[in-house]
N, C-alpha and C. Protein backbone atom coordinates (compact mmCIF):
# COMPACT_ATOMS: atom_id res chain seq x y z
N MET A 1 -99.09 37.44 -78.44
CA MET A 1 -100.26 37.29 -79.23
C MET A 1 -100.55 35.83 -79.41
N GLY A 2 -100.92 35.32 -78.39
CA GLY A 2 -101.25 33.92 -78.49
C GLY A 2 -102.59 33.63 -77.86
N ILE A 3 -102.97 32.47 -78.03
CA ILE A 3 -104.23 32.01 -77.47
C ILE A 3 -103.95 31.57 -76.04
N PRO A 4 -104.84 32.00 -75.08
CA PRO A 4 -104.59 31.59 -73.71
C PRO A 4 -104.73 30.07 -73.55
N ALA A 5 -103.90 29.56 -72.68
CA ALA A 5 -103.91 28.12 -72.47
C ALA A 5 -105.19 27.72 -71.73
N PRO A 6 -105.78 26.58 -72.12
CA PRO A 6 -106.98 26.13 -71.43
C PRO A 6 -106.64 25.72 -69.99
N THR A 7 -107.58 26.00 -69.09
CA THR A 7 -107.38 25.61 -67.69
C THR A 7 -108.30 24.45 -67.36
N MET A 8 -107.80 23.58 -66.54
CA MET A 8 -108.62 22.43 -66.12
C MET A 8 -109.10 22.69 -64.70
N SER A 9 -110.32 22.34 -64.46
CA SER A 9 -110.85 22.49 -63.10
C SER A 9 -111.26 21.13 -62.58
N THR A 10 -111.10 20.98 -61.29
CA THR A 10 -111.50 19.72 -60.65
C THR A 10 -112.81 19.95 -59.93
N PRO A 11 -113.53 18.88 -59.58
CA PRO A 11 -114.81 19.06 -58.88
C PRO A 11 -114.67 19.77 -57.55
N SER A 12 -113.48 19.77 -56.95
CA SER A 12 -113.32 20.42 -55.65
C SER A 12 -113.14 21.92 -55.78
N ASP A 13 -112.90 22.41 -56.99
CA ASP A 13 -112.75 23.85 -57.17
C ASP A 13 -114.09 24.53 -56.97
N GLU A 14 -114.04 25.76 -56.46
CA GLU A 14 -115.26 26.53 -56.28
C GLU A 14 -115.81 26.91 -57.63
N PRO A 15 -117.14 26.81 -57.80
CA PRO A 15 -117.70 27.21 -59.10
C PRO A 15 -117.56 28.71 -59.30
N GLN A 16 -117.29 29.10 -60.53
CA GLN A 16 -117.16 30.50 -60.88
C GLN A 16 -118.54 31.10 -60.97
N SER A 17 -118.73 32.28 -60.43
CA SER A 17 -120.02 32.93 -60.52
C SER A 17 -120.10 33.68 -61.84
N ASP A 18 -120.78 33.10 -62.76
CA ASP A 18 -120.93 33.70 -64.08
C ASP A 18 -122.40 34.01 -64.27
N SER A 19 -122.73 35.27 -64.48
CA SER A 19 -124.13 35.66 -64.60
C SER A 19 -124.75 35.13 -65.88
N SER A 20 -123.93 34.80 -66.87
CA SER A 20 -124.48 34.30 -68.12
C SER A 20 -124.71 32.80 -68.07
N SER A 21 -124.30 32.16 -67.01
CA SER A 21 -124.47 30.71 -66.89
C SER A 21 -125.94 30.39 -66.65
N SER A 22 -126.43 29.39 -67.35
CA SER A 22 -127.83 29.01 -67.20
C SER A 22 -128.00 27.85 -66.23
N ALA A 23 -126.91 27.33 -65.71
CA ALA A 23 -127.00 26.21 -64.77
C ALA A 23 -127.50 26.72 -63.42
N PRO A 24 -128.31 25.93 -62.72
CA PRO A 24 -128.79 26.36 -61.41
C PRO A 24 -127.64 26.40 -60.42
N PRO A 25 -127.69 27.30 -59.45
CA PRO A 25 -126.61 27.39 -58.47
C PRO A 25 -126.55 26.12 -57.63
N SER A 26 -125.35 25.79 -57.22
CA SER A 26 -125.14 24.59 -56.42
C SER A 26 -125.63 24.85 -54.99
N THR A 27 -126.16 23.80 -54.34
CA THR A 27 -126.64 23.96 -52.98
C THR A 27 -125.52 23.79 -51.98
N ALA A 28 -124.37 23.28 -52.40
CA ALA A 28 -123.26 23.08 -51.47
C ALA A 28 -122.05 23.85 -51.95
N SER A 29 -121.31 24.43 -51.03
CA SER A 29 -120.09 25.12 -51.37
C SER A 29 -118.96 24.11 -51.45
N SER A 30 -117.78 24.57 -51.71
CA SER A 30 -116.65 23.65 -51.85
C SER A 30 -116.28 22.99 -50.53
N PHE A 31 -116.70 23.58 -49.43
CA PHE A 31 -116.36 23.02 -48.13
C PHE A 31 -117.43 22.07 -47.60
N GLY A 32 -118.48 21.82 -48.36
CA GLY A 32 -119.51 20.88 -47.97
C GLY A 32 -120.62 21.50 -47.14
N HIS A 33 -120.59 22.80 -46.89
CA HIS A 33 -121.65 23.45 -46.12
C HIS A 33 -122.83 23.75 -47.03
N LEU A 34 -124.03 23.56 -46.51
CA LEU A 34 -125.23 23.83 -47.29
C LEU A 34 -125.58 25.29 -47.21
N ARG A 35 -126.26 25.76 -48.20
CA ARG A 35 -126.71 27.14 -48.21
C ARG A 35 -127.78 27.33 -47.13
N PRO A 36 -127.96 28.55 -46.65
CA PRO A 36 -128.92 28.79 -45.55
C PRO A 36 -130.34 28.37 -45.89
N ASP A 37 -130.80 28.58 -47.14
CA ASP A 37 -132.18 28.20 -47.45
C ASP A 37 -132.36 26.69 -47.45
N THR A 38 -131.34 25.95 -47.83
CA THR A 38 -131.42 24.49 -47.79
C THR A 38 -131.43 24.00 -46.34
N GLU A 39 -130.63 24.64 -45.50
CA GLU A 39 -130.62 24.25 -44.09
C GLU A 39 -131.97 24.52 -43.43
N ALA A 40 -132.61 25.62 -43.81
CA ALA A 40 -133.93 25.93 -43.25
C ALA A 40 -134.95 24.87 -43.67
N TRP A 41 -134.89 24.45 -44.93
CA TRP A 41 -135.82 23.41 -45.39
C TRP A 41 -135.55 22.09 -44.67
N GLN A 42 -134.27 21.80 -44.45
CA GLN A 42 -133.95 20.56 -43.73
C GLN A 42 -134.47 20.61 -42.29
N ARG A 43 -134.35 21.79 -41.64
CA ARG A 43 -134.88 21.92 -40.28
C ARG A 43 -136.39 21.76 -40.27
N ARG A 44 -137.06 22.35 -41.25
CA ARG A 44 -138.52 22.22 -41.33
C ARG A 44 -138.93 20.77 -41.57
N ALA A 45 -138.23 20.10 -42.49
CA ALA A 45 -138.56 18.70 -42.79
C ALA A 45 -138.28 17.83 -41.57
N SER A 46 -137.21 18.12 -40.86
CA SER A 46 -136.89 17.35 -39.65
C SER A 46 -137.94 17.56 -38.57
N ALA A 47 -138.37 18.82 -38.40
CA ALA A 47 -139.41 19.11 -37.40
C ALA A 47 -140.73 18.45 -37.79
N ALA A 48 -141.07 18.48 -39.09
CA ALA A 48 -142.30 17.82 -39.54
C ALA A 48 -142.22 16.31 -39.34
N GLY A 49 -141.04 15.73 -39.58
CA GLY A 49 -140.86 14.30 -39.35
C GLY A 49 -140.99 13.93 -37.89
N ARG A 50 -140.43 14.78 -37.00
CA ARG A 50 -140.57 14.50 -35.56
C ARG A 50 -142.03 14.61 -35.13
N TRP A 51 -142.74 15.61 -35.65
CA TRP A 51 -144.16 15.78 -35.30
C TRP A 51 -144.97 14.58 -35.78
N LEU A 52 -144.73 14.15 -37.03
CA LEU A 52 -145.45 13.01 -37.58
C LEU A 52 -145.14 11.74 -36.79
N GLY A 53 -143.88 11.56 -36.43
CA GLY A 53 -143.51 10.40 -35.61
C GLY A 53 -144.20 10.41 -34.26
N ALA A 54 -144.27 11.60 -33.64
CA ALA A 54 -144.94 11.70 -32.34
C ALA A 54 -146.43 11.42 -32.49
N GLN A 55 -147.05 11.88 -33.57
CA GLN A 55 -148.48 11.62 -33.77
C GLN A 55 -148.74 10.14 -34.03
N LEU A 56 -147.86 9.49 -34.79
CA LEU A 56 -148.07 8.07 -35.10
C LEU A 56 -147.77 7.17 -33.91
N ARG A 57 -147.10 7.69 -32.89
CA ARG A 57 -146.89 6.89 -31.67
C ARG A 57 -148.15 6.83 -30.82
N ARG A 58 -149.09 7.72 -31.06
CA ARG A 58 -150.34 7.72 -30.29
C ARG A 58 -151.26 6.62 -30.84
N PRO A 59 -151.86 5.82 -29.95
CA PRO A 59 -152.73 4.73 -30.42
C PRO A 59 -153.93 5.22 -31.22
N ARG A 60 -154.52 6.34 -30.83
CA ARG A 60 -155.69 6.83 -31.55
C ARG A 60 -155.33 7.18 -32.99
N THR A 61 -154.18 7.80 -33.19
CA THR A 61 -153.78 8.19 -34.54
C THR A 61 -153.49 6.96 -35.38
N ARG A 62 -152.77 5.99 -34.81
CA ARG A 62 -152.49 4.76 -35.56
C ARG A 62 -153.78 4.06 -35.97
N LEU A 63 -154.73 4.00 -35.05
CA LEU A 63 -156.00 3.34 -35.33
C LEU A 63 -156.75 4.05 -36.45
N ALA A 64 -156.77 5.38 -36.41
CA ALA A 64 -157.45 6.14 -37.45
C ALA A 64 -156.75 5.98 -38.80
N VAL A 65 -155.42 5.98 -38.82
CA VAL A 65 -154.68 5.83 -40.08
C VAL A 65 -154.94 4.46 -40.67
N ILE A 66 -154.92 3.43 -39.84
CA ILE A 66 -155.19 2.07 -40.35
C ILE A 66 -156.63 1.99 -40.87
N GLY A 67 -157.57 2.61 -40.17
CA GLY A 67 -158.96 2.61 -40.65
C GLY A 67 -159.10 3.31 -41.99
N VAL A 68 -158.42 4.43 -42.18
CA VAL A 68 -158.47 5.14 -43.46
C VAL A 68 -157.84 4.29 -44.55
N ILE A 69 -156.73 3.63 -44.26
CA ILE A 69 -156.08 2.77 -45.26
C ILE A 69 -157.01 1.63 -45.65
N LEU A 70 -157.70 1.02 -44.67
CA LEU A 70 -158.64 -0.06 -45.01
C LEU A 70 -159.80 0.45 -45.87
N LEU A 71 -160.32 1.63 -45.53
CA LEU A 71 -161.39 2.19 -46.36
C LEU A 71 -160.92 2.49 -47.77
N LEU A 72 -159.72 3.04 -47.90
CA LEU A 72 -159.19 3.32 -49.24
C LEU A 72 -158.97 2.04 -50.03
N LEU A 73 -158.46 1.00 -49.37
CA LEU A 73 -158.30 -0.28 -50.05
C LEU A 73 -159.64 -0.83 -50.53
N ALA A 74 -160.64 -0.73 -49.67
CA ALA A 74 -161.95 -1.26 -50.01
C ALA A 74 -162.59 -0.47 -51.14
N LEU A 75 -162.44 0.83 -51.13
CA LEU A 75 -163.14 1.66 -52.11
C LEU A 75 -162.36 1.84 -53.41
N LEU A 76 -161.04 1.75 -53.37
CA LEU A 76 -160.27 2.02 -54.58
C LEU A 76 -159.66 0.77 -55.21
N ASP A 77 -159.31 -0.20 -54.42
CA ASP A 77 -158.55 -1.32 -54.96
C ASP A 77 -159.35 -2.62 -55.03
N ILE A 78 -160.16 -2.89 -54.03
CA ILE A 78 -160.82 -4.19 -53.96
C ILE A 78 -162.33 -4.01 -54.18
N VAL A 79 -162.73 -3.25 -55.16
CA VAL A 79 -164.14 -3.03 -55.44
C VAL A 79 -164.71 -4.30 -56.07
N SER A 80 -165.94 -4.60 -55.76
CA SER A 80 -166.65 -5.78 -56.27
C SER A 80 -165.96 -7.07 -55.89
N SER A 81 -165.47 -7.12 -54.66
CA SER A 81 -164.85 -8.33 -54.17
C SER A 81 -165.60 -8.77 -52.92
N VAL A 82 -165.32 -9.97 -52.50
CA VAL A 82 -165.93 -10.47 -51.29
C VAL A 82 -165.36 -9.74 -50.07
N TRP A 83 -164.21 -9.10 -50.20
CA TRP A 83 -163.55 -8.40 -49.10
C TRP A 83 -163.97 -6.93 -48.97
N THR A 84 -164.73 -6.40 -49.91
CA THR A 84 -165.07 -4.98 -49.89
C THR A 84 -165.88 -4.62 -48.65
N LEU A 85 -166.98 -5.31 -48.41
CA LEU A 85 -167.85 -4.98 -47.28
C LEU A 85 -167.15 -5.17 -45.94
N PRO A 86 -166.44 -6.28 -45.69
CA PRO A 86 -165.74 -6.39 -44.40
C PRO A 86 -164.69 -5.29 -44.20
N LEU A 87 -163.98 -4.91 -45.26
CA LEU A 87 -162.99 -3.85 -45.11
C LEU A 87 -163.64 -2.51 -44.80
N VAL A 88 -164.78 -2.24 -45.43
CA VAL A 88 -165.48 -0.99 -45.15
C VAL A 88 -165.98 -0.98 -43.71
N ILE A 89 -166.55 -2.09 -43.25
CA ILE A 89 -167.08 -2.15 -41.89
C ILE A 89 -165.96 -2.02 -40.86
N VAL A 90 -164.87 -2.76 -41.04
CA VAL A 90 -163.77 -2.72 -40.08
C VAL A 90 -163.08 -1.36 -40.13
N GLY A 91 -162.87 -0.80 -41.32
CA GLY A 91 -162.24 0.51 -41.44
C GLY A 91 -163.08 1.60 -40.78
N ALA A 92 -164.38 1.59 -41.03
CA ALA A 92 -165.25 2.59 -40.40
C ALA A 92 -165.29 2.41 -38.89
N ALA A 93 -165.32 1.16 -38.42
CA ALA A 93 -165.32 0.91 -36.97
C ALA A 93 -164.03 1.41 -36.34
N MET A 94 -162.90 1.21 -37.02
CA MET A 94 -161.63 1.68 -36.48
C MET A 94 -161.60 3.21 -36.38
N ILE A 95 -162.14 3.88 -37.38
CA ILE A 95 -162.16 5.35 -37.35
C ILE A 95 -163.08 5.84 -36.22
N VAL A 96 -164.24 5.21 -36.06
CA VAL A 96 -165.16 5.61 -34.99
C VAL A 96 -164.53 5.35 -33.62
N ILE A 97 -163.87 4.23 -33.46
CA ILE A 97 -163.24 3.92 -32.18
C ILE A 97 -162.09 4.89 -31.91
N ALA A 98 -161.34 5.26 -32.95
CA ALA A 98 -160.27 6.25 -32.75
C ALA A 98 -160.85 7.60 -32.35
N TRP A 99 -162.02 7.92 -32.88
CA TRP A 99 -162.65 9.21 -32.61
C TRP A 99 -163.18 9.29 -31.17
N ILE A 100 -163.88 8.22 -30.72
CA ILE A 100 -164.47 8.24 -29.38
C ILE A 100 -163.83 7.22 -28.46
N GLY A 101 -162.72 6.63 -28.88
CA GLY A 101 -162.12 5.55 -28.11
C GLY A 101 -161.67 5.92 -26.72
N SER A 102 -161.20 7.14 -26.53
CA SER A 102 -160.73 7.52 -25.20
C SER A 102 -161.89 7.62 -24.22
N ARG A 103 -163.10 7.78 -24.73
CA ARG A 103 -164.27 7.88 -23.85
C ARG A 103 -165.06 6.58 -23.81
N LEU A 104 -164.61 5.57 -24.55
CA LEU A 104 -165.35 4.32 -24.68
C LEU A 104 -164.93 3.34 -23.60
N ASP A 105 -165.91 2.74 -22.97
CA ASP A 105 -165.65 1.73 -21.96
C ASP A 105 -166.67 0.63 -22.17
N GLY A 106 -166.25 -0.61 -22.08
CA GLY A 106 -167.22 -1.68 -22.28
C GLY A 106 -166.57 -3.04 -22.35
N ARG A 107 -167.34 -3.98 -22.91
CA ARG A 107 -166.88 -5.36 -22.99
C ARG A 107 -167.44 -5.99 -24.25
N PHE A 108 -166.60 -6.79 -24.89
CA PHE A 108 -167.02 -7.57 -26.05
C PHE A 108 -166.50 -8.98 -25.84
N ALA A 109 -167.39 -9.96 -25.85
CA ALA A 109 -166.99 -11.34 -25.61
C ALA A 109 -167.72 -12.27 -26.56
N VAL A 110 -166.99 -13.27 -27.03
CA VAL A 110 -167.56 -14.32 -27.87
C VAL A 110 -167.30 -15.64 -27.14
N GLU A 111 -168.37 -16.36 -26.84
CA GLU A 111 -168.25 -17.65 -26.17
C GLU A 111 -168.93 -18.70 -27.02
N TRP A 112 -168.28 -19.83 -27.21
CA TRP A 112 -168.89 -20.90 -27.99
C TRP A 112 -168.64 -22.24 -27.31
N GLY A 113 -169.48 -23.16 -27.61
CA GLY A 113 -169.38 -24.49 -27.01
C GLY A 113 -170.48 -25.39 -27.56
N ASP A 114 -170.82 -26.42 -26.77
CA ASP A 114 -171.83 -27.39 -27.21
C ASP A 114 -173.21 -26.74 -27.33
N SER A 115 -173.49 -25.76 -26.51
CA SER A 115 -174.81 -25.13 -26.53
C SER A 115 -174.93 -24.08 -27.63
N GLY A 116 -173.85 -23.75 -28.30
CA GLY A 116 -173.90 -22.75 -29.37
C GLY A 116 -172.94 -21.60 -29.10
N THR A 117 -173.15 -20.53 -29.81
CA THR A 117 -172.27 -19.37 -29.70
C THR A 117 -173.04 -18.21 -29.07
N GLN A 118 -172.38 -17.52 -28.18
CA GLN A 118 -172.99 -16.35 -27.54
C GLN A 118 -172.10 -15.14 -27.78
N LEU A 119 -172.71 -14.05 -28.16
CA LEU A 119 -172.02 -12.78 -28.30
C LEU A 119 -172.49 -11.85 -27.19
N GLU A 120 -171.56 -11.24 -26.51
CA GLU A 120 -171.92 -10.27 -25.48
C GLU A 120 -171.21 -8.96 -25.81
N PHE A 121 -171.99 -7.92 -25.91
CA PHE A 121 -171.44 -6.60 -26.24
C PHE A 121 -172.08 -5.57 -25.33
N ARG A 122 -171.24 -4.83 -24.62
CA ARG A 122 -171.71 -3.76 -23.74
C ARG A 122 -170.78 -2.58 -23.93
N ALA A 123 -171.34 -1.43 -24.23
CA ALA A 123 -170.53 -0.23 -24.44
C ALA A 123 -171.11 0.94 -23.67
N GLN A 124 -170.22 1.74 -23.13
CA GLN A 124 -170.62 2.94 -22.41
C GLN A 124 -169.71 4.07 -22.88
N ILE A 125 -170.31 5.15 -23.33
CA ILE A 125 -169.54 6.30 -23.80
C ILE A 125 -169.67 7.41 -22.78
N LYS A 126 -168.53 7.86 -22.27
CA LYS A 126 -168.52 8.93 -21.27
C LYS A 126 -168.65 10.27 -21.98
N ALA A 127 -169.12 11.25 -21.28
CA ALA A 127 -169.23 12.61 -21.83
C ALA A 127 -167.83 13.16 -22.05
N PRO A 128 -167.65 13.99 -23.08
CA PRO A 128 -166.32 14.57 -23.30
C PRO A 128 -165.96 15.50 -22.15
N PRO A 129 -164.67 15.61 -21.86
CA PRO A 129 -164.28 16.50 -20.77
C PRO A 129 -164.61 17.94 -21.10
N ALA A 130 -165.03 18.66 -20.08
CA ALA A 130 -165.37 20.07 -20.27
C ALA A 130 -164.10 20.88 -20.50
N PRO A 131 -164.17 21.87 -21.38
CA PRO A 131 -162.97 22.69 -21.59
C PRO A 131 -162.67 23.50 -20.34
N PRO A 132 -161.41 23.75 -20.09
CA PRO A 132 -161.07 24.53 -18.90
C PRO A 132 -161.60 25.95 -19.03
N GLN A 133 -162.20 26.42 -17.95
CA GLN A 133 -162.76 27.77 -17.97
C GLN A 133 -162.03 28.62 -16.96
N ARG A 134 -161.79 29.83 -17.37
CA ARG A 134 -161.13 30.77 -16.47
C ARG A 134 -162.19 31.52 -15.68
N LEU A 135 -161.93 31.67 -14.42
CA LEU A 135 -162.84 32.42 -13.57
C LEU A 135 -162.51 33.90 -13.71
N ARG A 136 -163.51 34.66 -14.07
CA ARG A 136 -163.31 36.09 -14.21
C ARG A 136 -164.17 36.79 -13.16
N SER A 137 -163.54 37.58 -12.39
CA SER A 137 -164.25 38.28 -11.34
C SER A 137 -164.70 39.64 -11.85
N GLY A 138 -165.93 40.01 -11.57
CA GLY A 138 -166.44 41.30 -11.96
C GLY A 138 -166.08 42.38 -10.94
N LEU A 139 -165.39 41.97 -9.89
CA LEU A 139 -165.01 42.92 -8.86
C LEU A 139 -163.80 43.74 -9.30
N ALA A 140 -163.68 44.88 -8.70
CA ALA A 140 -162.51 45.71 -8.97
C ALA A 140 -161.29 45.05 -8.37
N PRO A 141 -160.13 45.28 -8.96
CA PRO A 141 -158.93 44.67 -8.39
C PRO A 141 -158.66 45.18 -6.98
N ALA A 142 -158.03 44.36 -6.19
CA ALA A 142 -157.74 44.72 -4.81
C ALA A 142 -156.77 45.89 -4.79
N PRO A 143 -156.95 46.80 -3.83
CA PRO A 143 -156.02 47.93 -3.76
C PRO A 143 -154.63 47.45 -3.37
N ALA A 144 -153.68 48.27 -3.68
CA ALA A 144 -152.29 47.94 -3.35
C ALA A 144 -152.14 47.85 -1.84
N PRO A 145 -151.25 47.02 -1.35
CA PRO A 145 -151.10 46.86 0.11
C PRO A 145 -150.76 48.16 0.82
N ALA A 146 -150.12 49.09 0.16
CA ALA A 146 -149.75 50.35 0.82
C ALA A 146 -150.99 51.19 1.11
N GLN A 147 -152.08 51.02 0.37
CA GLN A 147 -153.27 51.83 0.54
C GLN A 147 -154.20 51.27 1.63
N VAL A 148 -154.03 50.03 2.00
CA VAL A 148 -154.90 49.41 3.00
C VAL A 148 -154.37 49.76 4.39
N PRO A 149 -155.24 50.35 5.23
CA PRO A 149 -154.76 50.68 6.58
C PRO A 149 -154.56 49.41 7.39
N ALA A 150 -153.58 49.44 8.24
CA ALA A 150 -153.29 48.28 9.07
C ALA A 150 -154.37 48.14 10.14
N VAL A 151 -154.79 46.92 10.40
CA VAL A 151 -155.79 46.66 11.43
C VAL A 151 -155.07 46.47 12.75
N ARG A 152 -155.51 47.23 13.74
CA ARG A 152 -154.90 47.13 15.06
C ARG A 152 -155.89 46.51 16.01
N ILE A 153 -155.47 45.44 16.64
CA ILE A 153 -156.33 44.76 17.61
C ILE A 153 -155.98 45.30 19.00
N PRO A 154 -156.99 45.86 19.69
CA PRO A 154 -156.68 46.43 21.02
C PRO A 154 -156.41 45.31 22.02
N THR A 155 -155.60 45.63 22.98
CA THR A 155 -155.32 44.67 24.04
C THR A 155 -156.47 44.66 25.04
N LEU A 156 -156.50 43.70 25.93
CA LEU A 156 -157.57 43.57 26.93
C LEU A 156 -157.57 44.75 27.90
N ALA A 157 -156.40 45.28 28.20
CA ALA A 157 -156.30 46.40 29.13
C ALA A 157 -156.89 47.67 28.52
N GLU A 158 -156.85 47.80 27.18
CA GLU A 158 -157.36 48.99 26.52
C GLU A 158 -158.88 48.99 26.40
N LEU A 159 -159.50 47.87 26.51
CA LEU A 159 -160.95 47.78 26.36
C LEU A 159 -161.65 48.25 27.63
N GLU A 160 -162.75 48.92 27.46
CA GLU A 160 -163.56 49.33 28.60
C GLU A 160 -164.62 48.26 28.84
N ASP A 161 -165.28 48.34 29.96
CA ASP A 161 -166.31 47.35 30.29
C ASP A 161 -167.49 47.43 29.33
N ASP A 162 -167.76 48.61 28.80
CA ASP A 162 -168.90 48.76 27.89
C ASP A 162 -168.61 48.11 26.52
N ASP A 163 -167.33 47.89 26.21
CA ASP A 163 -166.97 47.34 24.90
C ASP A 163 -167.09 45.81 24.86
N VAL A 164 -167.16 45.17 26.00
CA VAL A 164 -167.17 43.71 26.05
C VAL A 164 -168.62 43.24 26.13
N ILE A 165 -168.97 42.29 25.29
CA ILE A 165 -170.32 41.72 25.29
C ILE A 165 -170.21 40.30 25.80
N GLU A 166 -171.00 40.00 26.83
CA GLU A 166 -171.02 38.64 27.37
C GLU A 166 -171.95 37.80 26.52
N GLY A 167 -171.58 36.56 26.30
CA GLY A 167 -172.44 35.67 25.53
C GLY A 167 -172.01 34.23 25.73
N GLU A 168 -172.87 33.33 25.32
CA GLU A 168 -172.54 31.91 25.36
C GLU A 168 -173.20 31.23 24.17
N GLY A 169 -172.64 30.12 23.75
CA GLY A 169 -173.15 29.41 22.58
C GLY A 169 -173.72 28.06 22.96
N HIS A 170 -174.70 27.62 22.21
CA HIS A 170 -175.33 26.32 22.45
C HIS A 170 -175.40 25.57 21.12
N THR A 171 -175.26 24.26 21.17
CA THR A 171 -175.42 23.42 20.00
C THR A 171 -176.73 22.69 20.11
N VAL A 172 -177.53 22.76 19.07
CA VAL A 172 -178.83 22.10 19.06
C VAL A 172 -178.76 21.00 18.01
N GLU A 173 -179.00 19.77 18.43
CA GLU A 173 -179.02 18.65 17.49
C GLU A 173 -180.46 18.21 17.30
N ILE A 174 -180.87 18.14 16.05
CA ILE A 174 -182.24 17.74 15.73
C ILE A 174 -182.17 16.56 14.77
N ASP A 175 -182.87 15.51 15.12
CA ASP A 175 -182.96 14.36 14.24
C ASP A 175 -183.93 14.71 13.10
N VAL A 176 -183.60 14.31 11.90
CA VAL A 176 -184.43 14.65 10.74
C VAL A 176 -185.82 14.03 10.87
N ALA A 177 -185.89 12.82 11.36
CA ALA A 177 -187.19 12.17 11.52
C ALA A 177 -188.04 12.93 12.54
N GLU A 178 -187.43 13.40 13.62
CA GLU A 178 -188.16 14.18 14.61
C GLU A 178 -188.63 15.51 14.02
N LEU A 179 -187.78 16.12 13.20
CA LEU A 179 -188.13 17.39 12.57
C LEU A 179 -189.33 17.20 11.64
N LYS A 180 -189.32 16.13 10.86
CA LYS A 180 -190.46 15.86 9.97
C LYS A 180 -191.73 15.61 10.78
N ALA A 181 -191.60 14.91 11.89
CA ALA A 181 -192.77 14.66 12.75
C ALA A 181 -193.31 15.96 13.33
N LEU A 182 -192.42 16.87 13.73
CA LEU A 182 -192.86 18.18 14.24
C LEU A 182 -193.56 18.98 13.16
N ILE A 183 -193.07 18.93 11.93
CA ILE A 183 -193.70 19.66 10.83
C ILE A 183 -195.09 19.11 10.55
N VAL A 184 -195.21 17.78 10.52
CA VAL A 184 -196.52 17.17 10.28
C VAL A 184 -197.48 17.51 11.41
N ALA A 185 -197.01 17.50 12.65
CA ALA A 185 -197.86 17.83 13.79
C ALA A 185 -198.32 19.29 13.71
N ALA A 186 -197.42 20.19 13.31
CA ALA A 186 -197.78 21.60 13.19
C ALA A 186 -198.79 21.82 12.07
N GLU A 187 -198.63 21.08 10.97
CA GLU A 187 -199.57 21.24 9.84
C GLU A 187 -200.95 20.70 10.19
N THR A 188 -201.01 19.60 10.92
CA THR A 188 -202.32 19.02 11.29
C THR A 188 -203.01 19.89 12.35
N LYS A 189 -202.23 20.49 13.22
CA LYS A 189 -202.82 21.35 14.24
C LYS A 189 -203.37 22.63 13.60
N ALA A 190 -202.67 23.15 12.58
CA ALA A 190 -203.14 24.36 11.91
C ALA A 190 -204.37 24.10 11.05
N ALA A 191 -204.55 22.90 10.57
CA ALA A 191 -205.69 22.58 9.71
C ALA A 191 -206.92 22.28 10.46
């Protein structure tokens, strides 16, 4: 009839599962393994990080992100400053170039000297590539090879004289200028 002796636990001991405990369950077991739901979140976060890294490696994405950052700086942080308008112009230009940059071709040059400054700007925007289209045939599918009768080519000995047709071919070359002259001559003669 005594009071039970108190027990000491170390951090390496496994936590006791007590349903009356209000503490949240630990995400790691005593062996350092994470629970399955935590591992799933880590895989998702890792995949999202890889996707974001791959997107930011693309020049168009970087250009658009920098343009958005410049616009946000101009509109949220540097309002009523001498830098607001240049940041808005450069940010908007970066976003437009990121949007149509792959189709943009041209030249921009600034030349200055004793005679003054010259700006040269030439831009050409190509049409966007057409989406790939699948060819769909309205014809019935070809019959199976077993259903197609084999074609037999008769030998020369099997052919009768009535089956052979004699013929010869000729090539006619007509110059386009001569053809036009013949057409004009025929039209004038008919009129």
